[in-house]
């Protein structure tokens, strides 16, 4: 939330501070009510997570795309076989839920069918993602208390090994920073963020949006966690834009690369599109060599631009 002193006289006269706080109170109430709902098999899943001896647990929010979970789990199995993937299903399509549950059973992935979201029918995807993350933190992460927690988008995939615990040995969190518009606020994109659980377990983390500060899902943690940190002392994920070409046609488009993790994109609303299919085909064609090719292509474009 914006500090009271940051509002202009015009905003005060228009009632903006009150409106923002009423909306925040409403969202928090929705989160609290939703967090008390139970998921099928929740107790057994928590017991399974507690029994894991892995140095980190990775959680992803699935949404109507079994193909995304299939690709993510395949890449995790190849490059991070020691990091269990916990699939938390926020799908609104019953057929997609059934397919994701079957996929997880087949691959022995930890699976949690989240309670039906209060934001259904494609309405307010950022809030739907936020309440799902808050439910996961309250009902799975808290009881299981893993040493390291990673939050991953369902259409993100690793292209190389990554030591997630090493990312947070000397800092409470790690990931890709995003920023508000002209206000100095920042947060970690929950599509790729890693937390040292002991360092944050006493904080009331909240992955809600903070619209007044122009922060998307995860932005409420600015006031809870991030503003208390020395930003200059933290390491953050390296981000770059890379061109992913379809191995059959060489047509393609730009995608986000975060460290060694590729964001397939086009799956945020649970709809499979050309961008996702291009990444899936490129990965299938050469999973071990794809990252080097993407980086080489990006470096070549940068060098070409510098030369001109």
C-alpha atoms as a PDB file:
ATOM      1  CA  UNK A   1       0.000   0.000   0.000  1.00  0.00           C
ATOM      2  CA  UNK A   2       1.043   3.576  -0.545  1.00  0.00           C
ATOM      3  CA  UNK A   3       1.998   5.523   2.557  1.00  0.00           C
ATOM      4  CA  UNK A   4      -0.612   8.050   3.638  1.00  0.00           C
ATOM      5  CA  UNK A   5       1.869  10.886   3.147  1.00  0.00           C
ATOM      6  CA  UNK A   6       2.303   9.938  -0.536  1.00  0.00           C
ATOM      7  CA  UNK A   7      -1.232  10.937  -1.524  1.00  0.00           C
ATOM      8  CA  UNK A   8      -1.792  14.348  -3.067  1.00  0.00           C
ATOM      9  CA  UNK A   9      -4.490  16.757  -1.931  1.00  0.00           C
ATOM     10  CA  UNK A  10      -6.426  15.978  -5.101  1.00  0.00           C
ATOM     11  CA  UNK A  11      -6.326  12.266  -4.291  1.00  0.00           C
ATOM     12  CA  UNK A  12      -7.485  12.918  -0.745  1.00  0.00           C
ATOM     13  CA  UNK A  13     -10.402  14.992  -2.022  1.00  0.00           C
ATOM     14  CA  UNK A  14     -11.275  12.182  -4.419  1.00  0.00           C
ATOM     15  CA  UNK A  15     -11.246   9.601  -1.624  1.00  0.00           C
ATOM     16  CA  UNK A  16      -8.374   7.550  -3.050  1.00  0.00           C
ATOM     17  CA  UNK A  17      -6.745   6.624   0.311  1.00  0.00           C
ATOM     18  CA  UNK A  18     -10.042   5.306   1.682  1.00  0.00           C
ATOM     19  CA  UNK A  19     -10.934   3.481  -1.547  1.00  0.00           C
ATOM     20  CA  UNK A  20      -7.544   1.800  -1.681  1.00  0.00           C
ATOM     21  CA  UNK A  21      -7.752   0.634   1.927  1.00  0.00           C
ATOM     22  CA  UNK A  22     -11.300  -0.640   1.555  1.00  0.00           C
ATOM     23  CA  UNK A  23     -10.284  -2.658  -1.491  1.00  0.00           C
ATOM     24  CA  UNK A  24      -7.279  -3.999   0.357  1.00  0.00           C
ATOM     25  CA  UNK A  25      -9.473  -5.008   3.308  1.00  0.00           C
ATOM     26  CA  UNK A  26     -11.884  -6.770   0.956  1.00  0.00           C
ATOM     27  CA  UNK A  27      -9.083  -8.668  -0.761  1.00  0.00           C
ATOM     28  CA  UNK A  28      -7.558  -9.678   2.553  1.00  0.00           C
ATOM     29  CA  UNK A  29     -10.906 -10.957   3.789  1.00  0.00           C
ATOM     30  CA  UNK A  30     -11.322 -13.051   0.631  1.00  0.00           C
ATOM     31  CA  UNK A  31      -7.823 -14.459   1.129  1.00  0.00           C
ATOM     32  CA  UNK A  32      -8.448 -15.357   4.765  1.00  0.00           C
ATOM     33  CA  UNK A  33     -11.740 -17.097   4.010  1.00  0.00           C
ATOM     34  CA  UNK A  34     -10.248 -18.992   1.092  1.00  0.00           C
ATOM     35  CA  UNK A  35      -7.151 -20.028   3.070  1.00  0.00           C
ATOM     36  CA  UNK A  36      -9.398 -21.864   5.553  1.00  0.00           C
ATOM     37  CA  UNK A  37     -10.838 -24.123   2.880  1.00  0.00           C
ATOM     38  CA  UNK A  38      -9.500 -27.654   2.695  1.00  0.00           C
ATOM     39  CA  UNK A  39      -8.292 -29.487  -0.404  1.00  0.00           C
ATOM     40  CA  UNK A  40      -8.924 -33.147  -1.134  1.00  0.00           C
ATOM     41  CA  UNK A  41      -5.992 -35.196   0.127  1.00  0.00           C
ATOM     42  CA  UNK A  42      -4.428 -32.200   1.873  1.00  0.00           C
ATOM     43  CA  UNK A  43      -3.329 -34.025   5.036  1.00  0.00           C
ATOM     44  CA  UNK A  44      -1.690 -36.840   3.081  1.00  0.00           C
ATOM     45  CA  UNK A  45       0.099 -34.359   0.854  1.00  0.00           C
ATOM     46  CA  UNK A  46       1.465 -32.392   3.823  1.00  0.00           C
ATOM     47  CA  UNK A  47       2.715 -35.648   5.331  1.00  0.00           C
ATOM     48  CA  UNK A  48       4.433 -36.477   2.030  1.00  0.00           C
ATOM     49  CA  UNK A  49       6.092 -33.062   1.855  1.00  0.00           C
ATOM     50  CA  UNK A  50       7.266 -33.304   5.463  1.00  0.00           C
ATOM     51  CA  UNK A  51       8.867 -36.651   4.663  1.00  0.00           C
ATOM     52  CA  UNK A  52      10.823 -35.257   1.710  1.00  0.00           C
ATOM     53  CA  UNK A  53      14.538 -35.024   2.338  1.00  0.00           C
ATOM     54  CA  UNK A  54      15.136 -32.736  -0.624  1.00  0.00           C
ATOM     55  CA  UNK A  55      17.059 -29.480  -0.054  1.00  0.00           C
ATOM     56  CA  UNK A  56      14.264 -27.532  -1.779  1.00  0.00           C
ATOM     57  CA  UNK A  57      10.641 -27.914  -2.810  1.00  0.00           C
ATOM     58  CA  UNK A  58       9.251 -26.254  -5.929  1.00  0.00           C
ATOM     59  CA  UNK A  59       5.588 -25.245  -6.117  1.00  0.00           C
ATOM     60  CA  UNK A  60       3.724 -24.364  -9.292  1.00  0.00           C
ATOM     61  CA  UNK A  61       0.133 -23.207  -9.796  1.00  0.00           C
ATOM     62  CA  UNK A  62      -1.374 -25.178 -12.671  1.00  0.00           C
ATOM     63  CA  UNK A  63      -4.120 -23.526 -14.683  1.00  0.00           C
ATOM     64  CA  UNK A  64      -6.032 -25.378 -17.399  1.00  0.00           C
ATOM     65  CA  UNK A  65      -2.930 -26.529 -19.328  1.00  0.00           C
ATOM     66  CA  UNK A  66      -1.794 -30.122 -18.795  1.00  0.00           C
ATOM     67  CA  UNK A  67       0.775 -29.529 -21.552  1.00  0.00           C
ATOM     68  CA  UNK A  68       2.515 -26.899 -19.444  1.00  0.00           C
ATOM     69  CA  UNK A  69       2.785 -29.201 -16.439  1.00  0.00           C
ATOM     70  CA  UNK A  70       4.045 -32.006 -18.687  1.00  0.00           C
ATOM     71  CA  UNK A  71       6.795 -29.781 -20.095  1.00  0.00           C
ATOM     72  CA  UNK A  72       7.784 -28.287 -16.741  1.00  0.00           C
ATOM     73  CA  UNK A  73       7.935 -31.673 -15.032  1.00  0.00           C
ATOM     74  CA  UNK A  74       9.970 -33.150 -17.883  1.00  0.00           C
ATOM     75  CA  UNK A  75      12.488 -30.310 -17.699  1.00  0.00           C
ATOM     76  CA  UNK A  76      12.627 -30.478 -13.895  1.00  0.00           C
ATOM     77  CA  UNK A  77      13.248 -34.216 -14.070  1.00  0.00           C
ATOM     78  CA  UNK A  78      16.092 -33.692 -16.513  1.00  0.00           C
ATOM     79  CA  UNK A  79      17.870 -30.729 -14.912  1.00  0.00           C
ATOM     80  CA  UNK A  80      16.693 -30.624 -11.273  1.00  0.00           C
ATOM     81  CA  UNK A  81      15.928 -34.261 -10.445  1.00  0.00           C
ATOM     82  CA  UNK A  82      16.571 -33.659  -6.736  1.00  0.00           C
ATOM     83  CA  UNK A  83      13.958 -30.912  -6.437  1.00  0.00           C
ATOM     84  CA  UNK A  84      10.424 -32.300  -6.058  1.00  0.00           C
ATOM     85  CA  UNK A  85       7.748 -30.438  -8.003  1.00  0.00           C
ATOM     86  CA  UNK A  86       4.462 -29.816  -6.184  1.00  0.00           C
ATOM     87  CA  UNK A  87       1.607 -29.174  -8.623  1.00  0.00           C
ATOM     88  CA  UNK A  88      -1.185 -27.084  -7.108  1.00  0.00           C
ATOM     89  CA  UNK A  89      -4.115 -27.172  -9.485  1.00  0.00           C
ATOM     90  CA  UNK A  90      -6.070 -23.930  -9.839  1.00  0.00           C
ATOM     91  CA  UNK A  91      -7.766 -25.057 -13.064  1.00  0.00           C
ATOM     92  CA  UNK A  92     -11.341 -24.002 -13.740  1.00  0.00           C
ATOM     93  CA  UNK A  93     -11.870 -26.565 -16.504  1.00  0.00           C
ATOM     94  CA  UNK A  94     -12.855 -29.970 -15.024  1.00  0.00           C
ATOM     95  CA  UNK A  95     -11.331 -31.820 -17.974  1.00  0.00           C
ATOM     96  CA  UNK A  96      -8.027 -30.016 -17.493  1.00  0.00           C
ATOM     97  CA  UNK A  97      -8.082 -30.822 -13.759  1.00  0.00           C
ATOM     98  CA  UNK A  98      -8.636 -34.486 -14.521  1.00  0.00           C
ATOM     99  CA  UNK A  99      -5.827 -34.523 -17.088  1.00  0.00           C
ATOM    100  CA  UNK A 100      -3.376 -32.772 -14.746  1.00  0.00           C
ATOM    101  CA  UNK A 101      -4.258 -35.095 -11.874  1.00  0.00           C
ATOM    102  CA  UNK A 102      -3.722 -38.126 -14.135  1.00  0.00           C
ATOM    103  CA  UNK A 103      -0.397 -36.751 -15.371  1.00  0.00           C
ATOM    104  CA  UNK A 104       0.824 -36.176 -11.819  1.00  0.00           C
ATOM    105  CA  UNK A 105      -0.241 -39.675 -10.772  1.00  0.00           C
ATOM    106  CA  UNK A 106       1.558 -41.176 -13.763  1.00  0.00           C
ATOM    107  CA  UNK A 107       4.775 -39.269 -13.024  1.00  0.00           C
ATOM    108  CA  UNK A 108       4.505 -39.544  -9.229  1.00  0.00           C
ATOM    109  CA  UNK A 109       4.362 -35.769  -8.815  1.00  0.00           C
ATOM    110  CA  UNK A 110       2.950 -34.310  -5.634  1.00  0.00           C
ATOM    111  CA  UNK A 111      -0.519 -33.017  -6.557  1.00  0.00           C
ATOM    112  CA  UNK A 112      -2.963 -30.737  -4.761  1.00  0.00           C
ATOM    113  CA  UNK A 113      -6.392 -29.914  -6.224  1.00  0.00           C
ATOM    114  CA  UNK A 114      -6.875 -26.403  -4.875  1.00  0.00           C
ATOM    115  CA  UNK A 115     -10.353 -25.458  -3.656  1.00  0.00           C
ATOM    116  CA  UNK A 116     -12.387 -23.663  -6.363  1.00  0.00           C
ATOM    117  CA  UNK A 117     -11.084 -20.119  -6.676  1.00  0.00           C
ATOM    118  CA  UNK A 118     -13.274 -17.173  -5.685  1.00  0.00           C
ATOM    119  CA  UNK A 119     -12.097 -15.649  -8.982  1.00  0.00           C
ATOM    120  CA  UNK A 120     -13.509 -17.919 -11.653  1.00  0.00           C
ATOM    121  CA  UNK A 121     -14.512 -17.658 -15.274  1.00  0.00           C
ATOM    122  CA  UNK A 122     -11.301 -15.928 -16.318  1.00  0.00           C
ATOM    123  CA  UNK A 123     -12.013 -12.934 -14.083  1.00  0.00           C
ATOM    124  CA  UNK A 124      -9.007 -11.234 -12.513  1.00  0.00           C
ATOM    125  CA  UNK A 125      -6.229 -13.716 -13.223  1.00  0.00           C
ATOM    126  CA  UNK A 126      -3.715 -11.878 -11.032  1.00  0.00           C
ATOM    127  CA  UNK A 127      -5.968 -12.113  -7.978  1.00  0.00           C
ATOM    128  CA  UNK A 128      -6.755 -15.757  -8.713  1.00  0.00           C
ATOM    129  CA  UNK A 129      -3.035 -16.532  -8.821  1.00  0.00           C
ATOM    130  CA  UNK A 130      -2.484 -14.536  -5.632  1.00  0.00           C
ATOM    131  CA  UNK A 131      -5.125 -16.286  -3.544  1.00  0.00           C
ATOM    132  CA  UNK A 132      -3.785 -19.620  -4.783  1.00  0.00           C
ATOM    133  CA  UNK A 133      -0.259 -18.720  -3.665  1.00  0.00           C
ATOM    134  CA  UNK A 134      -1.499 -17.502  -0.294  1.00  0.00           C
ATOM    135  CA  UNK A 135      -3.423 -20.751   0.176  1.00  0.00           C
ATOM    136  CA  UNK A 136      -0.314 -22.766  -0.717  1.00  0.00           C
ATOM    137  CA  UNK A 137       1.845 -20.810   1.708  1.00  0.00           C
ATOM    138  CA  UNK A 138      -0.639 -21.184   4.560  1.00  0.00           C
ATOM    139  CA  UNK A 139      -1.667 -24.800   3.997  1.00  0.00           C
ATOM    140  CA  UNK A 140       1.332 -26.544   2.441  1.00  0.00           C
ATOM    141  CA  UNK A 141       4.506 -24.520   2.894  1.00  0.00           C
ATOM    142  CA  UNK A 142       3.836 -23.559   6.519  1.00  0.00           C
ATOM    143  CA  UNK A 143       2.974 -27.071   7.768  1.00  0.00           C
ATOM    144  CA  UNK A 144       5.728 -28.768   5.738  1.00  0.00           C
ATOM    145  CA  UNK A 145       8.358 -26.078   6.535  1.00  0.00           C
ATOM    146  CA  UNK A 146      10.861 -26.997   3.803  1.00  0.00           C
ATOM    147  CA  UNK A 147      14.312 -25.457   4.040  1.00  0.00           C
ATOM    148  CA  UNK A 148      13.936 -23.720   0.678  1.00  0.00           C
ATOM    149  CA  UNK A 149      10.782 -22.870  -1.256  1.00  0.00           C
ATOM    150  CA  UNK A 150      10.711 -22.094  -4.977  1.00  0.00           C
ATOM    151  CA  UNK A 151       7.650 -20.658  -6.723  1.00  0.00           C
ATOM    152  CA  UNK A 152       7.528 -21.352 -10.456  1.00  0.00           C
ATOM    153  CA  UNK A 153       5.148 -20.382 -13.239  1.00  0.00           C
ATOM    154  CA  UNK A 154       3.590 -23.422 -14.864  1.00  0.00           C
ATOM    155  CA  UNK A 155       4.985 -22.321 -18.249  1.00  0.00           C
ATOM    156  CA  UNK A 156       8.551 -21.824 -17.002  1.00  0.00           C
ATOM    157  CA  UNK A 157      11.143 -24.534 -17.587  1.00  0.00           C
ATOM    158  CA  UNK A 158      14.784 -24.985 -16.603  1.00  0.00           C
ATOM    159  CA  UNK A 159      17.314 -25.483 -19.382  1.00  0.00           C
ATOM    160  CA  UNK A 160      20.217 -26.305 -17.083  1.00  0.00           C
ATOM    161  CA  UNK A 161      20.892 -27.467 -13.552  1.00  0.00           C
ATOM    162  CA  UNK A 162      20.254 -24.876 -10.835  1.00  0.00           C
ATOM    163  CA  UNK A 163      21.261 -25.058  -7.185  1.00  0.00           C
ATOM    164  CA  UNK A 164      18.251 -23.312  -5.672  1.00  0.00           C
ATOM    165  CA  UNK A 165      19.379 -23.593  -2.023  1.00  0.00           C
ATOM    166  CA  UNK A 166      22.654 -21.881  -2.937  1.00  0.00           C
ATOM    167  CA  UNK A 167      20.664 -18.896  -4.203  1.00  0.00           C
ATOM    168  CA  UNK A 168      19.428 -18.125  -0.687  1.00  0.00           C
ATOM    169  CA  UNK A 169      22.337 -19.112   1.532  1.00  0.00           C
ATOM    170  CA  UNK A 170      23.254 -15.493   2.252  1.00  0.00           C
ATOM    171  CA  UNK A 171      19.952 -13.746   1.584  1.00  0.00           C
ATOM    172  CA  UNK A 172      16.301 -14.429   2.442  1.00  0.00           C
ATOM    173  CA  UNK A 173      15.018 -14.498  -1.119  1.00  0.00           C
ATOM    174  CA  UNK A 174      16.121 -14.575  -4.731  1.00  0.00           C
ATOM    175  CA  UNK A 175      14.482 -14.135  -8.090  1.00  0.00           C
ATOM    176  CA  UNK A 176      13.498 -11.719 -10.803  1.00  0.00           C
ATOM    177  CA  UNK A 177      12.788  -8.215  -9.542  1.00  0.00           C
ATOM    178  CA  UNK A 178       9.886  -6.178 -10.887  1.00  0.00           C
ATOM    179  CA  UNK A 179       9.275  -2.534 -10.090  1.00  0.00           C
ATOM    180  CA  UNK A 180       6.433  -0.130  -9.514  1.00  0.00           C
ATOM    181  CA  UNK A 181       6.019   2.967 -11.635  1.00  0.00           C
ATOM    182  CA  UNK A 182       8.079   5.810 -10.246  1.00  0.00           C
ATOM    183  CA  UNK A 183       7.679   4.933  -6.570  1.00  0.00           C
ATOM    184  CA  UNK A 184      10.767   2.867  -5.712  1.00  0.00           C
ATOM    185  CA  UNK A 185       8.719  -0.193  -4.730  1.00  0.00           C
ATOM    186  CA  UNK A 186       9.754  -3.597  -6.037  1.00  0.00           C
ATOM    187  CA  UNK A 187       8.917  -7.248  -5.602  1.00  0.00           C
ATOM    188  CA  UNK A 188       9.965 -10.666  -6.845  1.00  0.00           C
ATOM    189  CA  UNK A 189       7.994 -12.118  -9.724  1.00  0.00           C
ATOM    190  CA  UNK A 190       6.294 -15.212  -8.275  1.00  0.00           C
ATOM    191  CA  UNK A 191       6.866 -16.961 -11.597  1.00  0.00           C
ATOM    192  CA  UNK A 192      10.454 -17.443 -10.430  1.00  0.00           C
ATOM    193  CA  UNK A 193      11.258 -16.715  -6.815  1.00  0.00           C
ATOM    194  CA  UNK A 194      13.157 -18.639  -4.153  1.00  0.00           C
ATOM    195  CA  UNK A 195      12.861 -18.226  -0.380  1.00  0.00           C
ATOM    196  CA  UNK A 196      14.968 -19.340   2.541  1.00  0.00           C
ATOM    197  CA  UNK A 197      12.047 -20.500   4.648  1.00  0.00           C
ATOM    198  CA  UNK A 198      13.701 -19.982   8.035  1.00  0.00           C
ATOM    199  CA  UNK A 199      14.473 -16.380   7.098  1.00  0.00           C
ATOM    200  CA  UNK A 200      10.859 -15.547   6.214  1.00  0.00           C
ATOM    201  CA  UNK A 201       8.728 -17.957   8.228  1.00  0.00           C
ATOM    202  CA  UNK A 202       7.915 -15.364  10.871  1.00  0.00           C
ATOM    203  CA  UNK A 203       6.599 -12.880   8.322  1.00  0.00           C
ATOM    204  CA  UNK A 204       2.963 -12.689   7.166  1.00  0.00           C
ATOM    205  CA  UNK A 205       3.868 -13.067   3.504  1.00  0.00           C
ATOM    206  CA  UNK A 206       1.110 -11.998   1.136  1.00  0.00           C
ATOM    207  CA  UNK A 207       1.284 -12.621  -2.594  1.00  0.00           C
ATOM    208  CA  UNK A 208      -1.587 -10.298  -3.357  1.00  0.00           C
ATOM    209  CA  UNK A 209      -1.441  -7.473  -5.859  1.00  0.00           C
ATOM    210  CA  UNK A 210      -0.771  -3.912  -4.750  1.00  0.00           C
ATOM    211  CA  UNK A 211      -2.564  -1.828  -7.355  1.00  0.00           C
ATOM    212  CA  UNK A 212      -1.936   1.573  -5.701  1.00  0.00           C
ATOM    213  CA  UNK A 213       1.807   0.872  -6.004  1.00  0.00           C
ATOM    214  CA  UNK A 214       1.354  -0.617  -9.528  1.00  0.00           C
ATOM    215  CA  UNK A 215       2.666  -3.984  -8.316  1.00  0.00           C
ATOM    216  CA  UNK A 216       1.219  -7.212  -9.716  1.00  0.00           C
ATOM    217  CA  UNK A 217       0.913 -10.613  -8.017  1.00  0.00           C
ATOM    218  CA  UNK A 218       3.400 -10.740  -5.143  1.00  0.00           C
ATOM    219  CA  UNK A 219       3.435  -6.975  -4.727  1.00  0.00           C
ATOM    220  CA  UNK A 220       1.954  -6.957  -1.219  1.00  0.00           C
ATOM    221  CA  UNK A 221       5.247  -8.411  -0.020  1.00  0.00           C
ATOM    222  CA  UNK A 222       6.874  -5.043  -0.657  1.00  0.00           C
ATOM    223  CA  UNK A 223       5.616  -3.813   2.696  1.00  0.00           C
ATOM    224  CA  UNK A 224       5.973  -7.197   4.402  1.00  0.00           C
ATOM    225  CA  UNK A 225       9.488  -8.123   3.281  1.00  0.00           C
ATOM    226  CA  UNK A 226      11.208  -6.353   0.422  1.00  0.00           C
ATOM    227  CA  UNK A 227      11.260  -2.754   1.658  1.00  0.00           C
ATOM    228  CA  UNK A 228      13.123  -3.960   4.774  1.00  0.00           C
ATOM    229  CA  UNK A 229      15.978  -5.403   2.724  1.00  0.00           C
ATOM    230  CA  UNK A 230      19.133  -3.704   1.496  1.00  0.00           C
ATOM    231  CA  UNK A 231      18.510  -4.029  -2.212  1.00  0.00           C
ATOM    232  CA  UNK A 232      22.115  -3.264  -3.107  1.00  0.00           C
ATOM    233  CA  UNK A 233      23.303  -6.197  -0.996  1.00  0.00           C
ATOM    234  CA  UNK A 234      21.086  -8.725  -2.785  1.00  0.00           C
ATOM    235  CA  UNK A 235      21.776 -10.872  -5.823  1.00  0.00           C
ATOM    236  CA  UNK A 236      18.980 -11.080  -8.382  1.00  0.00           C
ATOM    237  CA  UNK A 237      18.263 -13.300 -11.333  1.00  0.00           C
ATOM    238  CA  UNK A 238      19.745 -12.248 -14.643  1.00  0.00           C
ATOM    239  CA  UNK A 239      17.100 -11.596 -17.271  1.00  0.00           C
ATOM    240  CA  UNK A 240      17.385 -11.259 -21.023  1.00  0.00           C
ATOM    241  CA  UNK A 241      15.241 -11.541 -24.111  1.00  0.00           C
ATOM    242  CA  UNK A 242      15.972 -14.477 -26.410  1.00  0.00           C
ATOM    243  CA  UNK A 243      14.537 -15.488 -29.762  1.00  0.00           C
ATOM    244  CA  UNK A 244      13.115 -19.017 -29.827  1.00  0.00           C
ATOM    245  CA  UNK A 245      12.741 -20.491 -33.308  1.00  0.00           C
ATOM    246  CA  UNK A 246      10.551 -23.427 -34.259  1.00  0.00           C
ATOM    247  CA  UNK A 247      12.972 -26.199 -35.304  1.00  0.00           C
ATOM    248  CA  UNK A 248      10.749 -27.055 -38.268  1.00  0.00           C
ATOM    249  CA  UNK A 249      10.062 -23.621 -39.729  1.00  0.00           C
ATOM    250  CA  UNK A 250      12.622 -21.320 -38.024  1.00  0.00           C
ATOM    251  CA  UNK A 251       9.732 -18.932 -37.348  1.00  0.00           C
ATOM    252  CA  UNK A 252       9.455 -17.836 -33.761  1.00  0.00           C
ATOM    253  CA  UNK A 253       9.355 -14.942 -31.341  1.00  0.00           C
ATOM    254  CA  UNK A 254      11.048 -13.392 -28.335  1.00  0.00           C
ATOM    255  CA  UNK A 255      10.817 -15.001 -24.908  1.00  0.00           C
ATOM    256  CA  UNK A 256      12.048 -14.197 -21.425  1.00  0.00           C
ATOM    257  CA  UNK A 257      15.105 -16.033 -20.106  1.00  0.00           C
ATOM    258  CA  UNK A 258      15.620 -15.816 -16.330  1.00  0.00           C
ATOM    259  CA  UNK A 259      19.042 -17.204 -15.440  1.00  0.00           C
ATOM    260  CA  UNK A 260      18.757 -20.604 -17.109  1.00  0.00           C
ATOM    261  CA  UNK A 261      14.950 -20.750 -16.999  1.00  0.00           C
ATOM    262  CA  UNK A 262      12.907 -20.110 -20.145  1.00  0.00           C
ATOM    263  CA  UNK A 263       9.433 -18.599 -19.892  1.00  0.00           C
ATOM    264  CA  UNK A 264       7.401 -20.262 -22.594  1.00  0.00           C
ATOM    265  CA  UNK A 265       4.674 -17.632 -22.301  1.00  0.00           C
ATOM    266  CA  UNK A 266       1.235 -17.713 -23.798  1.00  0.00           C
ATOM    267  CA  UNK A 267      -0.060 -19.915 -20.998  1.00  0.00           C
ATOM    268  CA  UNK A 268      -0.896 -17.367 -18.333  1.00  0.00           C
ATOM    269  CA  UNK A 269      -4.611 -17.601 -19.080  1.00  0.00           C
ATOM    270  CA  UNK A 270      -4.575 -21.373 -19.470  1.00  0.00           C
ATOM    271  CA  UNK A 271      -4.810 -21.302 -23.252  1.00  0.00           C
ATOM    272  CA  UNK A 272      -2.271 -23.110 -25.375  1.00  0.00           C
ATOM    273  CA  UNK A 273      -0.886 -20.916 -28.127  1.00  0.00           C
ATOM    274  CA  UNK A 274       1.800 -20.715 -30.788  1.00  0.00           C
ATOM    275  CA  UNK A 275       4.412 -19.294 -28.410  1.00  0.00           C
ATOM    276  CA  UNK A 276       4.115 -22.228 -26.032  1.00  0.00           C
ATOM    277  CA  UNK A 277       4.112 -24.794 -28.857  1.00  0.00           C
ATOM    278  CA  UNK A 278       7.268 -23.259 -30.348  1.00  0.00           C
ATOM    279  CA  UNK A 279       9.117 -23.570 -27.034  1.00  0.00           C
ATOM    280  CA  UNK A 280       7.849 -27.129 -26.525  1.00  0.00           C
ATOM    281  CA  UNK A 281       9.112 -28.184 -29.969  1.00  0.00           C
ATOM    282  CA  UNK A 282      12.454 -26.425 -29.513  1.00  0.00           C
ATOM    283  CA  UNK A 283      12.959 -28.152 -26.169  1.00  0.00           C
ATOM    284  CA  UNK A 284      11.988 -31.561 -27.546  1.00  0.00           C
ATOM    285  CA  UNK A 285      14.401 -31.179 -30.453  1.00  0.00           C
ATOM    286  CA  UNK A 286      17.471 -30.409 -28.323  1.00  0.00           C
ATOM    287  CA  UNK A 287      16.860 -30.075 -24.562  1.00  0.00           C
ATOM    288  CA  UNK A 288      20.530 -30.164 -23.640  1.00  0.00           C
ATOM    289  CA  UNK A 289      21.717 -27.691 -26.252  1.00  0.00           C
ATOM    290  CA  UNK A 290      18.830 -25.231 -26.351  1.00  0.00           C
ATOM    291  CA  UNK A 291      20.150 -22.851 -23.680  1.00  0.00           C
ATOM    292  CA  UNK A 292      23.545 -22.429 -25.345  1.00  0.00           C
ATOM    293  CA  UNK A 293      21.884 -21.689 -28.690  1.00  0.00           C
ATOM    294  CA  UNK A 294      19.534 -19.132 -27.161  1.00  0.00           C
ATOM    295  CA  UNK A 295      22.378 -17.343 -25.390  1.00  0.00           C
ATOM    296  CA  UNK A 296      24.565 -17.397 -28.490  1.00  0.00           C
ATOM    297  CA  UNK A 297      21.754 -15.924 -30.547  1.00  0.00           C
ATOM    298  CA  UNK A 298      21.128 -13.161 -28.016  1.00  0.00           C
ATOM    299  CA  UNK A 299      24.861 -12.359 -27.833  1.00  0.00           C
ATOM    300  CA  UNK A 300      25.067 -12.225 -31.634  1.00  0.00           C
ATOM    301  CA  UNK A 301      22.170  -9.765 -31.819  1.00  0.00           C
ATOM    302  CA  UNK A 302      23.755  -7.622 -29.103  1.00  0.00           C
ATOM    303  CA  UNK A 303      27.116  -7.634 -30.875  1.00  0.00           C
ATOM    304  CA  UNK A 304      25.484  -6.762 -34.186  1.00  0.00           C
ATOM    305  CA  UNK A 305      23.624  -3.865 -32.598  1.00  0.00           C
ATOM    306  CA  UNK A 306      26.799  -2.568 -30.979  1.00  0.00           C
ATOM    307  CA  UNK A 307      28.681  -2.756 -34.290  1.00  0.00           C
ATOM    308  CA  UNK A 308      26.129  -0.662 -36.105  1.00  0.00           C
END
